[in-house]
Amino acid sequence: MASYFDEHHTKDDEEDERDLMQMQQEYLQQRAQEFYNSMHNIKPPTSKSALRDMEVVFFDKNRDKLYPECPVCQDDFKQDEQLNKIECNHLFHKKCLREWLERHNTCPMCRHELLTDDPEYEEKKLDTKDKSRKKENVFSMYS
């Protein structure tokens, strides 16, 4: 006589188990990558919202004499070409900047840091900028 589980074990159960194992593996890989990044001080990429909301400007040879070429690919900008401008006012080809910021959270020219989607990294950034903030947090824990 077969057990209840033998009779009700279906292929869907095996697929569910495989899906669960795959999700667990992806989660573990993500956590391992986060741990590696924190140990080696690797910064996360720019946030998706910052990439989406990037300022678009049109190149003007008369106005933008200081930066006539893209710092990433080093091709000259063309008159009225659409470019991205980041917070530090540097200009880039849209494709060049997007490819860079999908891997980094800094301006390729001056290393100005942009927003990330990593809350722990953003918290650490705030703590580093404002040492008194860290002390307030510690004191608030014990008061």
C-alpha atoms as a PDB file:
ATOM      1  CA  MET A   1       0.000   0.000   0.000  1.00  0.00           C
ATOM      2  CA  ALA A   2       1.397   3.358  -1.048  1.00  0.00           C
ATOM      3  CA  SER A   3       1.657   6.192   1.388  1.00  0.00           C
ATOM      4  CA  TYR A   4      -0.374   9.355   1.071  1.00  0.00           C
ATOM      5  CA  PHE A   5       2.716  11.286  -0.061  1.00  0.00           C
ATOM      6  CA  ASP A   6       3.612   8.737  -2.735  1.00  0.00           C
ATOM      7  CA  GLU A   7       0.123   8.939  -4.177  1.00  0.00           C
ATOM      8  CA  HIS A   8       0.027  12.764  -4.125  1.00  0.00           C
ATOM      9  CA  HIS A   9       3.584  13.494  -5.220  1.00  0.00           C
ATOM     10  CA  THR A  10       3.286  15.157  -8.608  1.00  0.00           C
ATOM     11  CA  LYS A  11       5.623  16.701 -11.111  1.00  0.00           C
ATOM     12  CA  ASP A  12       4.423  20.140  -9.952  1.00  0.00           C
ATOM     13  CA  ASP A  13       5.829  19.395  -6.502  1.00  0.00           C
ATOM     14  CA  GLU A  14       9.215  18.669  -8.072  1.00  0.00           C
ATOM     15  CA  GLU A  15       9.042  21.915 -10.085  1.00  0.00           C
ATOM     16  CA  ASP A  16       8.076  23.864  -6.964  1.00  0.00           C
ATOM     17  CA  GLU A  17      11.011  22.325  -5.115  1.00  0.00           C
ATOM     18  CA  ARG A  18      13.377  23.260  -7.970  1.00  0.00           C
ATOM     19  CA  ASP A  19      11.984  26.809  -8.044  1.00  0.00           C
ATOM     20  CA  LEU A  20      12.464  27.111  -4.298  1.00  0.00           C
ATOM     21  CA  MET A  21      16.031  25.818  -4.541  1.00  0.00           C
ATOM     22  CA  GLN A  22      16.770  28.268  -7.363  1.00  0.00           C
ATOM     23  CA  MET A  23      15.349  31.177  -5.335  1.00  0.00           C
ATOM     24  CA  GLN A  24      17.457  30.113  -2.344  1.00  0.00           C
ATOM     25  CA  GLN A  25      20.561  29.901  -4.514  1.00  0.00           C
ATOM     26  CA  GLU A  26      19.926  33.363  -6.020  1.00  0.00           C
ATOM     27  CA  TYR A  27      19.371  34.798  -2.530  1.00  0.00           C
ATOM     28  CA  LEU A  28      22.609  33.259  -1.251  1.00  0.00           C
ATOM     29  CA  GLN A  29      24.544  34.543  -4.274  1.00  0.00           C
ATOM     30  CA  GLN A  30      23.137  38.037  -3.722  1.00  0.00           C
ATOM     31  CA  ARG A  31      24.065  37.996  -0.026  1.00  0.00           C
ATOM     32  CA  ALA A  32      27.551  36.659  -0.857  1.00  0.00           C
ATOM     33  CA  GLN A  33      28.034  39.475  -3.385  1.00  0.00           C
ATOM     34  CA  GLU A  34      26.893  42.065  -0.818  1.00  0.00           C
ATOM     35  CA  PHE A  35      29.318  40.598   1.733  1.00  0.00           C
ATOM     36  CA  TYR A  36      32.171  40.622  -0.805  1.00  0.00           C
ATOM     37  CA  ASN A  37      31.373  44.235  -1.748  1.00  0.00           C
ATOM     38  CA  SER A  38      31.360  45.323   1.894  1.00  0.00           C
ATOM     39  CA  MET A  39      34.652  43.533   2.605  1.00  0.00           C
ATOM     40  CA  HIS A  40      36.368  45.052  -0.427  1.00  0.00           C
ATOM     41  CA  ASN A  41      34.718  48.480  -0.138  1.00  0.00           C
ATOM     42  CA  ILE A  42      33.040  48.116  -3.553  1.00  0.00           C
ATOM     43  CA  LYS A  43      30.348  50.697  -4.095  1.00  0.00           C
ATOM     44  CA  PRO A  44      26.898  49.760  -5.427  1.00  0.00           C
ATOM     45  CA  PRO A  45      25.641  51.089  -8.774  1.00  0.00           C
ATOM     46  CA  THR A  46      23.565  54.243  -9.178  1.00  0.00           C
ATOM     47  CA  SER A  47      19.889  53.942  -8.269  1.00  0.00           C
ATOM     48  CA  LYS A  48      17.351  53.148 -10.963  1.00  0.00           C
ATOM     49  CA  SER A  49      15.418  56.331 -10.136  1.00  0.00           C
ATOM     50  CA  ALA A  50      18.546  58.487 -10.551  1.00  0.00           C
ATOM     51  CA  LEU A  51      19.189  56.853 -13.926  1.00  0.00           C
ATOM     52  CA  ARG A  52      15.581  57.359 -14.966  1.00  0.00           C
ATOM     53  CA  ASP A  53      15.461  61.021 -13.862  1.00  0.00           C
ATOM     54  CA  MET A  54      18.804  62.036 -15.383  1.00  0.00           C
ATOM     55  CA  GLU A  55      18.788  65.615 -16.715  1.00  0.00           C
ATOM     56  CA  VAL A  56      18.888  65.844 -20.524  1.00  0.00           C
ATOM     57  CA  VAL A  57      20.535  68.876 -22.160  1.00  0.00           C
ATOM     58  CA  PHE A  58      21.412  69.818 -25.720  1.00  0.00           C
ATOM     59  CA  PHE A  59      25.067  70.472 -26.470  1.00  0.00           C
ATOM     60  CA  ASP A  60      25.896  74.064 -27.409  1.00  0.00           C
ATOM     61  CA  LYS A  61      29.432  74.681 -28.704  1.00  0.00           C
ATOM     62  CA  ASN A  62      29.340  78.279 -27.492  1.00  0.00           C
ATOM     63  CA  ARG A  63      28.075  77.508 -23.988  1.00  0.00           C
ATOM     64  CA  ASP A  64      29.881  74.211 -23.340  1.00  0.00           C
ATOM     65  CA  LYS A  65      33.409  75.096 -24.478  1.00  0.00           C
ATOM     66  CA  LEU A  66      34.966  73.639 -21.332  1.00  0.00           C
ATOM     67  CA  TYR A  67      33.895  70.054 -22.121  1.00  0.00           C
ATOM     68  CA  PRO A  68      33.783  69.556 -25.923  1.00  0.00           C
ATOM     69  CA  GLU A  69      34.029  65.756 -25.715  1.00  0.00           C
ATOM     70  CA  CYS A  70      32.558  62.878 -23.763  1.00  0.00           C
ATOM     71  CA  PRO A  71      34.963  61.913 -20.956  1.00  0.00           C
ATOM     72  CA  VAL A  72      33.982  58.234 -21.266  1.00  0.00           C
ATOM     73  CA  CYS A  73      34.348  57.545 -25.005  1.00  0.00           C
ATOM     74  CA  GLN A  74      36.313  60.729 -25.811  1.00  0.00           C
ATOM     75  CA  ASP A  75      34.254  61.428 -28.955  1.00  0.00           C
ATOM     76  CA  ASP A  76      33.462  65.069 -29.674  1.00  0.00           C
ATOM     77  CA  PHE A  77      29.951  66.257 -28.885  1.00  0.00           C
ATOM     78  CA  LYS A  78      27.941  67.458 -31.855  1.00  0.00           C
ATOM     79  CA  GLN A  79      25.963  70.703 -31.893  1.00  0.00           C
ATOM     80  CA  ASP A  80      22.453  70.165 -30.425  1.00  0.00           C
ATOM     81  CA  GLU A  81      23.230  66.546 -29.514  1.00  0.00           C
ATOM     82  CA  GLN A  82      21.230  65.216 -26.536  1.00  0.00           C
ATOM     83  CA  LEU A  83      23.482  64.642 -23.523  1.00  0.00           C
ATOM     84  CA  ASN A  84      23.041  63.739 -19.887  1.00  0.00           C
ATOM     85  CA  LYS A  85      24.119  66.199 -17.221  1.00  0.00           C
ATOM     86  CA  ILE A  86      24.648  64.977 -13.660  1.00  0.00           C
ATOM     87  CA  GLU A  87      24.562  66.855 -10.338  1.00  0.00           C
ATOM     88  CA  CYS A  88      28.197  67.966 -10.624  1.00  0.00           C
ATOM     89  CA  ASN A  89      27.382  69.562 -14.033  1.00  0.00           C
ATOM     90  CA  HIS A  90      29.517  67.234 -16.136  1.00  0.00           C
ATOM     91  CA  LEU A  91      28.178  66.250 -19.557  1.00  0.00           C
ATOM     92  CA  PHE A  92      28.203  62.795 -21.165  1.00  0.00           C
ATOM     93  CA  HIS A  93      26.697  60.889 -24.054  1.00  0.00           C
ATOM     94  CA  LYS A  94      23.534  59.283 -22.743  1.00  0.00           C
ATOM     95  CA  LYS A  95      24.664  55.734 -23.588  1.00  0.00           C
ATOM     96  CA  CYS A  96      28.175  56.218 -22.158  1.00  0.00           C
ATOM     97  CA  LEU A  97      26.918  57.601 -18.866  1.00  0.00           C
ATOM     98  CA  ARG A  98      24.204  54.959 -18.473  1.00  0.00           C
ATOM     99  CA  GLU A  99      26.702  52.118 -19.015  1.00  0.00           C
ATOM    100  CA  TRP A 100      29.046  53.665 -16.439  1.00  0.00           C
ATOM    101  CA  LEU A 101      26.368  54.357 -13.827  1.00  0.00           C
ATOM    102  CA  GLU A 102      24.868  50.885 -14.118  1.00  0.00           C
ATOM    103  CA  ARG A 103      28.174  49.679 -12.626  1.00  0.00           C
ATOM    104  CA  HIS A 104      29.241  52.653 -10.465  1.00  0.00           C
ATOM    105  CA  ASN A 105      27.621  55.393  -8.395  1.00  0.00           C
ATOM    106  CA  THR A 106      30.154  58.122  -9.108  1.00  0.00           C
ATOM    107  CA  CYS A 107      30.773  60.696 -11.803  1.00  0.00           C
ATOM    108  CA  PRO A 108      33.501  59.391 -14.150  1.00  0.00           C
ATOM    109  CA  MET A 109      35.159  62.829 -14.046  1.00  0.00           C
ATOM    110  CA  CYS A 110      35.157  63.991 -10.425  1.00  0.00           C
ATOM    111  CA  ARG A 111      33.882  60.935  -8.467  1.00  0.00           C
ATOM    112  CA  HIS A 112      30.876  62.855  -7.109  1.00  0.00           C
ATOM    113  CA  GLU A 113      28.657  60.178  -5.535  1.00  0.00           C
ATOM    114  CA  LEU A 114      25.114  59.657  -6.748  1.00  0.00           C
ATOM    115  CA  LEU A 115      22.212  57.989  -4.992  1.00  0.00           C
ATOM    116  CA  THR A 116      22.122  54.175  -4.844  1.00  0.00           C
ATOM    117  CA  ASP A 117      19.336  51.664  -4.158  1.00  0.00           C
ATOM    118  CA  ASP A 118      21.328  50.185  -1.256  1.00  0.00           C
ATOM    119  CA  PRO A 119      19.906  51.522   2.051  1.00  0.00           C
ATOM    120  CA  GLU A 120      22.831  50.214   4.119  1.00  0.00           C
ATOM    121  CA  TYR A 121      25.350  51.939   1.850  1.00  0.00           C
ATOM    122  CA  GLU A 122      23.367  55.206   1.947  1.00  0.00           C
ATOM    123  CA  GLU A 123      23.236  55.016   5.757  1.00  0.00           C
ATOM    124  CA  LYS A 124      26.989  54.422   5.893  1.00  0.00           C
ATOM    125  CA  LYS A 125      27.511  57.399   3.549  1.00  0.00           C
ATOM    126  CA  LEU A 126      25.495  59.654   5.861  1.00  0.00           C
ATOM    127  CA  ASP A 127      27.413  58.421   8.914  1.00  0.00           C
ATOM    128  CA  THR A 128      30.743  59.123   7.222  1.00  0.00           C
ATOM    129  CA  LYS A 129      29.728  62.639   6.184  1.00  0.00           C
ATOM    130  CA  ASP A 130      28.361  63.631   9.570  1.00  0.00           C
ATOM    131  CA  LYS A 131      30.286  62.179  12.510  1.00  0.00           C
ATOM    132  CA  SER A 132      27.906  63.792  15.045  1.00  0.00           C
ATOM    133  CA  ARG A 133      25.014  61.877  13.448  1.00  0.00           C
ATOM    134  CA  LYS A 134      26.653  58.616  14.472  1.00  0.00           C
ATOM    135  CA  LYS A 135      26.967  59.779  18.062  1.00  0.00           C
ATOM    136  CA  GLU A 136      23.318  60.839  18.166  1.00  0.00           C
ATOM    137  CA  ASN A 137      22.282  57.397  16.962  1.00  0.00           C
ATOM    138  CA  VAL A 138      24.371  55.684  19.645  1.00  0.00           C
ATOM    139  CA  PHE A 139      23.041  57.959  22.379  1.00  0.00           C
ATOM    140  CA  SER A 140      19.450  57.501  21.233  1.00  0.00           C
ATOM    141  CA  MET A 141      19.844  53.730  21.567  1.00  0.00           C
ATOM    142  CA  TYR A 142      20.667  54.013  25.268  1.00  0.00           C
ATOM    143  CA  SER A 143      18.462  56.881  26.385  1.00  0.00           C
END
